[in-house]
Amino acid sequence: MTVTVRPARPADAERIVGIDPHTAAGGARARDIRDRLAEGTCHVAEVEGAVVGFVVLTRGFFHQPFV
């Protein structure tokens, strides 16, 4: 199995929301994901072209990289 990690694109939003169990409860988390996509701080992992995971890297934790 080959996993490919790439920068997420706005078109990935629904796939990411679909695999994140915390988005089922309401819109705030889904909105946050879309905001991170717009910022360019989100990456996705793909297996055979399907998004299977994601990560957000920010500098919002005492100005240090944070996943």
PDB file of N, CA and C in Angstrom:
ATOM      1  N   MET A   1       0.861  -1.176   0.000  1.00  0.00           N
ATOM      2  CA  MET A   1       0.000   0.000   0.000  1.00  0.00           C
ATOM      3  C   MET A   1       0.901   1.230   0.000  1.00  0.00           C
ATOM      4  N   THR A   2       0.610   2.156  -0.899  1.00  0.00           N
ATOM      5  CA  THR A   2       1.355   3.403  -0.986  1.00  0.00           C
ATOM      6  C   THR A   2       0.483   4.540  -0.490  1.00  0.00           C
ATOM      7  N   VAL A   3       1.016   5.319   0.439  1.00  0.00           N
ATOM      8  CA  VAL A   3       0.316   6.496   0.957  1.00  0.00           C
ATOM      9  C   VAL A   3       0.990   7.724   0.373  1.00  0.00           C
ATOM     10  N   THR A   4       0.195   8.601  -0.204  1.00  0.00           N
ATOM     11  CA  THR A   4       0.689   9.847  -0.766  1.00  0.00           C
ATOM     12  C   THR A   4       0.176  10.998   0.089  1.00  0.00           C
ATOM     13  N   VAL A   5       1.069  11.892   0.487  1.00  0.00           N
ATOM     14  CA  VAL A   5       0.679  13.080   1.245  1.00  0.00           C
ATOM     15  C   VAL A   5       0.868  14.277   0.329  1.00  0.00           C
ATOM     16  N   ARG A   6      -0.160  15.119   0.281  1.00  0.00           N
ATOM     17  CA  ARG A   6      -0.116  16.295  -0.584  1.00  0.00           C
ATOM     18  C   ARG A   6      -0.890  17.436   0.071  1.00  0.00           C
ATOM     19  N   PRO A   7      -0.638  18.662  -0.383  1.00  0.00           N
ATOM     20  CA  PRO A   7      -1.440  19.779   0.112  1.00  0.00           C
ATOM     21  C   PRO A   7      -2.905  19.559  -0.260  1.00  0.00           C
ATOM     22  N   ALA A   8      -3.777  19.847   0.669  1.00  0.00           N
ATOM     23  CA  ALA A   8      -5.213  19.705   0.414  1.00  0.00           C
ATOM     24  C   ALA A   8      -5.694  20.837  -0.485  1.00  0.00           C
ATOM     25  N   ARG A   9      -6.733  20.523  -1.244  1.00  0.00           N
ATOM     26  CA  ARG A   9      -7.362  21.504  -2.129  1.00  0.00           C
ATOM     27  C   ARG A   9      -8.798  21.728  -1.658  1.00  0.00           C
ATOM     28  N   PRO A  10      -9.381  22.870  -1.999  1.00  0.00           N
ATOM     29  CA  PRO A  10     -10.784  23.102  -1.604  1.00  0.00           C
ATOM     30  C   PRO A  10     -11.717  21.971  -2.020  1.00  0.00           C
ATOM     31  N   ALA A  11     -11.426  21.327  -3.122  1.00  0.00           N
ATOM     32  CA  ALA A  11     -12.262  20.214  -3.579  1.00  0.00           C
ATOM     33  C   ALA A  11     -12.221  19.020  -2.623  1.00  0.00           C
ATOM     34  N   ASP A  12     -11.239  18.973  -1.729  1.00  0.00           N
ATOM     35  CA  ASP A  12     -11.117  17.879  -0.754  1.00  0.00           C
ATOM     36  C   ASP A  12     -12.007  18.075   0.467  1.00  0.00           C
ATOM     37  N   ALA A  13     -12.640  19.223   0.594  1.00  0.00           N
ATOM     38  CA  ALA A  13     -13.374  19.561   1.826  1.00  0.00           C
ATOM     39  C   ALA A  13     -14.382  18.490   2.217  1.00  0.00           C
ATOM     40  N   GLU A  14     -15.213  18.079   1.303  1.00  0.00           N
ATOM     41  CA  GLU A  14     -16.253  17.095   1.652  1.00  0.00           C
ATOM     42  C   GLU A  14     -15.654  15.754   2.035  1.00  0.00           C
ATOM     43  N   ARG A  15     -14.565  15.363   1.373  1.00  0.00           N
ATOM     44  CA  ARG A  15     -13.910  14.101   1.729  1.00  0.00           C
ATOM     45  C   ARG A  15     -13.337  14.168   3.139  1.00  0.00           C
ATOM     46  N   ILE A  16     -12.714  15.303   3.461  1.00  0.00           N
ATOM     47  CA  ILE A  16     -12.132  15.463   4.794  1.00  0.00           C
ATOM     48  C   ILE A  16     -13.232  15.453   5.848  1.00  0.00           C
ATOM     49  N   VAL A  17     -14.277  16.221   5.616  1.00  0.00           N
ATOM     50  CA  VAL A  17     -15.402  16.264   6.559  1.00  0.00           C
ATOM     51  C   VAL A  17     -15.995  14.864   6.725  1.00  0.00           C
ATOM     52  N   GLY A  18     -16.034  14.101   5.657  1.00  0.00           N
ATOM     53  CA  GLY A  18     -16.605  12.761   5.709  1.00  0.00           C
ATOM     54  C   GLY A  18     -15.813  11.767   6.536  1.00  0.00           C
ATOM     55  N   ILE A  19     -14.511  11.994   6.698  1.00  0.00           N
ATOM     56  CA  ILE A  19     -13.707  11.046   7.485  1.00  0.00           C
ATOM     57  C   ILE A  19     -13.432  11.544   8.894  1.00  0.00           C
ATOM     58  N   ASP A  20     -13.817  12.781   9.197  1.00  0.00           N
ATOM     59  CA  ASP A  20     -13.574  13.341  10.534  1.00  0.00           C
ATOM     60  C   ASP A  20     -14.807  13.112  11.410  1.00  0.00           C
ATOM     61  N   PRO A  21     -14.710  12.229  12.403  1.00  0.00           N
ATOM     62  CA  PRO A  21     -15.886  11.923  13.225  1.00  0.00           C
ATOM     63  C   PRO A  21     -16.399  13.122  14.028  1.00  0.00           C
ATOM     64  N   HIS A  22     -15.586  14.128  14.232  1.00  0.00           N
ATOM     65  CA  HIS A  22     -16.008  15.281  15.025  1.00  0.00           C
ATOM     66  C   HIS A  22     -16.875  16.252  14.234  1.00  0.00           C
ATOM     67  N   THR A  23     -16.952  16.105  12.919  1.00  0.00           N
ATOM     68  CA  THR A  23     -17.784  17.008  12.127  1.00  0.00           C
ATOM     69  C   THR A  23     -19.251  16.601  12.134  1.00  0.00           C
ATOM     70  N   ALA A  24     -19.554  15.390  12.577  1.00  0.00           N
ATOM     71  CA  ALA A  24     -20.933  14.911  12.573  1.00  0.00           C
ATOM     72  C   ALA A  24     -21.827  15.698  13.534  1.00  0.00           C
ATOM     73  N   ALA A  25     -21.244  16.281  14.570  1.00  0.00           N
ATOM     74  CA  ALA A  25     -22.029  16.967  15.595  1.00  0.00           C
ATOM     75  C   ALA A  25     -22.497  18.360  15.179  1.00  0.00           C
ATOM     76  N   GLY A  26     -21.864  18.960  14.202  1.00  0.00           N
ATOM     77  CA  GLY A  26     -22.295  20.297  13.828  1.00  0.00           C
ATOM     78  C   GLY A  26     -21.356  20.986  12.875  1.00  0.00           C
ATOM     79  N   GLY A  27     -21.689  22.238  12.571  1.00  0.00           N
ATOM     80  CA  GLY A  27     -21.001  22.961  11.534  1.00  0.00           C
ATOM     81  C   GLY A  27     -19.694  23.613  11.904  1.00  0.00           C
ATOM     82  N   ALA A  28     -19.403  23.843  13.177  1.00  0.00           N
ATOM     83  CA  ALA A  28     -18.196  24.588  13.545  1.00  0.00           C
ATOM     84  C   ALA A  28     -16.932  23.883  13.078  1.00  0.00           C
ATOM     85  N   ARG A  29     -16.837  22.601  13.292  1.00  0.00           N
ATOM     86  CA  ARG A  29     -15.633  21.855  12.907  1.00  0.00           C
ATOM     87  C   ARG A  29     -15.484  21.833  11.379  1.00  0.00           C
ATOM     88  N   ALA A  30     -16.570  21.588  10.672  1.00  0.00           N
ATOM     89  CA  ALA A  30     -16.522  21.593   9.207  1.00  0.00           C
ATOM     90  C   ALA A  30     -16.113  22.965   8.696  1.00  0.00           C
ATOM     91  N   ARG A  31     -16.603  24.008   9.319  1.00  0.00           N
ATOM     92  CA  ARG A  31     -16.229  25.375   8.945  1.00  0.00           C
ATOM     93  C   ARG A  31     -14.743  25.613   9.200  1.00  0.00           C
ATOM     94  N   ASP A  32     -14.237  25.118  10.325  1.00  0.00           N
ATOM     95  CA  ASP A  32     -12.810  25.237  10.633  1.00  0.00           C
ATOM     96  C   ASP A  32     -11.959  24.528   9.583  1.00  0.00           C
ATOM     97  N   ILE A  33     -12.383  23.353   9.164  1.00  0.00           N
ATOM     98  CA  ILE A  33     -11.636  22.613   8.142  1.00  0.00           C
ATOM     99  C   ILE A  33     -11.583  23.420   6.854  1.00  0.00           C
ATOM    100  N   ARG A  34     -12.707  23.986   6.455  1.00  0.00           N
ATOM    101  CA  ARG A  34     -12.727  24.788   5.223  1.00  0.00           C
ATOM    102  C   ARG A  34     -11.836  26.026   5.362  1.00  0.00           C
ATOM    103  N   ASP A  35     -11.808  26.614   6.544  1.00  0.00           N
ATOM    104  CA  ASP A  35     -10.922  27.763   6.783  1.00  0.00           C
ATOM    105  C   ASP A  35      -9.460  27.359   6.645  1.00  0.00           C
ATOM    106  N   ARG A  36      -9.093  26.193   7.202  1.00  0.00           N
ATOM    107  CA  ARG A  36      -7.708  25.720   7.097  1.00  0.00           C
ATOM    108  C   ARG A  36      -7.350  25.417   5.640  1.00  0.00           C
ATOM    109  N   LEU A  37      -8.294  24.885   4.879  1.00  0.00           N
ATOM    110  CA  LEU A  37      -8.054  24.645   3.450  1.00  0.00           C
ATOM    111  C   LEU A  37      -7.763  25.969   2.752  1.00  0.00           C
ATOM    112  N   ALA A  38      -8.532  26.994   3.056  1.00  0.00           N
ATOM    113  CA  ALA A  38      -8.333  28.304   2.430  1.00  0.00           C
ATOM    114  C   ALA A  38      -6.980  28.903   2.802  1.00  0.00           C
ATOM    115  N   GLU A  39      -6.515  28.628   4.033  1.00  0.00           N
ATOM    116  CA  GLU A  39      -5.209  29.130   4.492  1.00  0.00           C
ATOM    117  C   GLU A  39      -4.044  28.371   3.862  1.00  0.00           C
ATOM    118  N   GLY A  40      -4.311  27.168   3.400  1.00  0.00           N
ATOM    119  CA  GLY A  40      -3.237  26.337   2.861  1.00  0.00           C
ATOM    120  C   GLY A  40      -2.463  25.587   3.924  1.00  0.00           C
ATOM    121  N   THR A  41      -3.053  25.396   5.107  1.00  0.00           N
ATOM    122  CA  THR A  41      -2.354  24.714   6.204  1.00  0.00           C
ATOM    123  C   THR A  41      -2.773  23.257   6.366  1.00  0.00           C
ATOM    124  N   CYS A  42      -3.581  22.757   5.446  1.00  0.00           N
ATOM    125  CA  CYS A  42      -4.094  21.391   5.544  1.00  0.00           C
ATOM    126  C   CYS A  42      -3.448  20.512   4.472  1.00  0.00           C
ATOM    127  N   HIS A  43      -3.099  19.285   4.852  1.00  0.00           N
ATOM    128  CA  HIS A  43      -2.579  18.280   3.930  1.00  0.00           C
ATOM    129  C   HIS A  43      -3.437  17.024   4.060  1.00  0.00           C
ATOM    130  N   VAL A  44      -3.522  16.266   2.987  1.00  0.00           N
ATOM    131  CA  VAL A  44      -4.274  15.016   3.031  1.00  0.00           C
ATOM    132  C   VAL A  44      -3.363  13.844   2.715  1.00  0.00           C
ATOM    133  N   ALA A  45      -3.758  12.689   3.208  1.00  0.00           N
ATOM    134  CA  ALA A  45      -3.117  11.419   2.870  1.00  0.00           C
ATOM    135  C   ALA A  45      -4.083  10.675   1.965  1.00  0.00           C
ATOM    136  N   GLU A  46      -3.542  10.121   0.873  1.00  0.00           N
ATOM    137  CA  GLU A  46      -4.359   9.371  -0.077  1.00  0.00           C
ATOM    138  C   GLU A  46      -3.811   7.962  -0.243  1.00  0.00           C
ATOM    139  N   VAL A  47      -4.715   7.023  -0.430  1.00  0.00           N
ATOM    140  CA  VAL A  47      -4.375   5.659  -0.812  1.00  0.00           C
ATOM    141  C   VAL A  47      -5.235   5.347  -2.033  1.00  0.00           C
ATOM    142  N   GLU A  48      -4.569   5.017  -3.118  1.00  0.00           N
ATOM    143  CA  GLU A  48      -5.251   4.709  -4.380  1.00  0.00           C
ATOM    144  C   GLU A  48      -6.238   5.809  -4.762  1.00  0.00           C
ATOM    145  N   GLY A  49      -5.848   7.065  -4.549  1.00  0.00           N
ATOM    146  CA  GLY A  49      -6.663   8.209  -4.941  1.00  0.00           C
ATOM    147  C   GLY A  49      -7.755   8.604  -3.970  1.00  0.00           C
ATOM    148  N   ALA A  50      -7.935   7.850  -2.891  1.00  0.00           N
ATOM    149  CA  ALA A  50      -8.969   8.156  -1.899  1.00  0.00           C
ATOM    150  C   ALA A  50      -8.338   8.852  -0.696  1.00  0.00           C
ATOM    151  N   VAL A  51      -8.950   9.926  -0.233  1.00  0.00           N
ATOM    152  CA  VAL A  51      -8.470  10.628   0.958  1.00  0.00           C
ATOM    153  C   VAL A  51      -8.781   9.753   2.171  1.00  0.00           C
ATOM    154  N   VAL A  52      -7.727   9.407   2.925  1.00  0.00           N
ATOM    155  CA  VAL A  52      -7.881   8.528   4.086  1.00  0.00           C
ATOM    156  C   VAL A  52      -7.467   9.198   5.397  1.00  0.00           C
ATOM    157  N   GLY A  53      -6.942  10.412   5.302  1.00  0.00           N
ATOM    158  CA  GLY A  53      -6.528  11.130   6.504  1.00  0.00           C
ATOM    159  C   GLY A  53      -6.170  12.557   6.153  1.00  0.00           C
ATOM    160  N   PHE A  54      -6.030  13.369   7.192  1.00  0.00           N
ATOM    161  CA  PHE A  54      -5.626  14.761   6.978  1.00  0.00           C
ATOM    162  C   PHE A  54      -4.919  15.279   8.215  1.00  0.00           C
ATOM    163  N   VAL A  55      -4.181  16.360   8.016  1.00  0.00           N
ATOM    164  CA  VAL A  55      -3.460  16.997   9.103  1.00  0.00           C
ATOM    165  C   VAL A  55      -3.457  18.496   8.839  1.00  0.00           C
ATOM    166  N   VAL A  56      -3.471  19.263   9.915  1.00  0.00           N
ATOM    167  CA  VAL A  56      -3.380  20.717   9.820  1.00  0.00           C
ATOM    168  C   VAL A  56      -2.135  21.141  10.593  1.00  0.00           C
ATOM    169  N   LEU A  57      -1.273  21.887   9.924  1.00  0.00           N
ATOM    170  CA  LEU A  57      -0.058  22.393  10.558  1.00  0.00           C
ATOM    171  C   LEU A  57      -0.187  23.903  10.696  1.00  0.00           C
ATOM    172  N   THR A  58      -0.119  24.382  11.931  1.00  0.00           N
ATOM    173  CA  THR A  58      -0.219  25.821  12.174  1.00  0.00           C
ATOM    174  C   THR A  58       0.954  26.275  13.033  1.00  0.00           C
ATOM    175  N   ARG A  59       1.043  27.556  13.213  1.00  0.00           N
ATOM    176  CA  ARG A  59       2.027  28.139  14.128  1.00  0.00           C
ATOM    177  C   ARG A  59       1.295  28.844  15.272  1.00  0.00           C
ATOM    178  N   GLY A  60       0.104  28.358  15.598  1.00  0.00           N
ATOM    179  CA  GLY A  60      -0.733  28.979  16.607  1.00  0.00           C
ATOM    180  C   GLY A  60      -0.450  28.541  18.033  1.00  0.00           C
ATOM    181  N   PHE A  61       0.531  27.712  18.234  1.00  0.00           N
ATOM    182  CA  PHE A  61       0.870  27.226  19.570  1.00  0.00           C
ATOM    183  C   PHE A  61       2.174  27.892  19.989  1.00  0.00           C
ATOM    184  N   PHE A  62       2.064  29.050  20.620  1.00  0.00           N
ATOM    185  CA  PHE A  62       3.225  29.827  21.027  1.00  0.00           C
ATOM    186  C   PHE A  62       4.167  30.084  19.849  1.00  0.00           C
ATOM    187  N   HIS A  63       3.575  30.328  18.678  1.00  0.00           N
ATOM    188  CA  HIS A  63       4.306  30.634  17.443  1.00  0.00           C
ATOM    189  C   HIS A  63       5.240  29.497  17.005  1.00  0.00           C
ATOM    190  N   GLN A  64       4.929  28.292  17.421  1.00  0.00           N
ATOM    191  CA  GLN A  64       5.720  27.117  17.062  1.00  0.00           C
ATOM    192  C   GLN A  64       4.875  26.205  16.168  1.00  0.00           C
ATOM    193  N   PRO A  65       5.513  25.429  15.300  1.00  0.00           N
ATOM    194  CA  PRO A  65       4.750  24.485  14.486  1.00  0.00           C
ATOM    195  C   PRO A  65       3.940  23.542  15.373  1.00  0.00           C
ATOM    196  N   PHE A  66       2.713  23.296  14.974  1.00  0.00           N
ATOM    197  CA  PHE A  66       1.805  22.469  15.770  1.00  0.00           C
ATOM    198  C   PHE A  66       0.898  21.686  14.828  1.00  0.00           C
ATOM    199  N   VAL A  67       0.771  20.397  15.048  1.00  0.00           N
ATOM    200  CA  VAL A  67      -0.116  19.544  14.251  1.00  0.00           C
ATOM    201  C   VAL A  67      -1.348  19.264  15.075  1.00  0.00           C
TER     202      VAL A  67
END
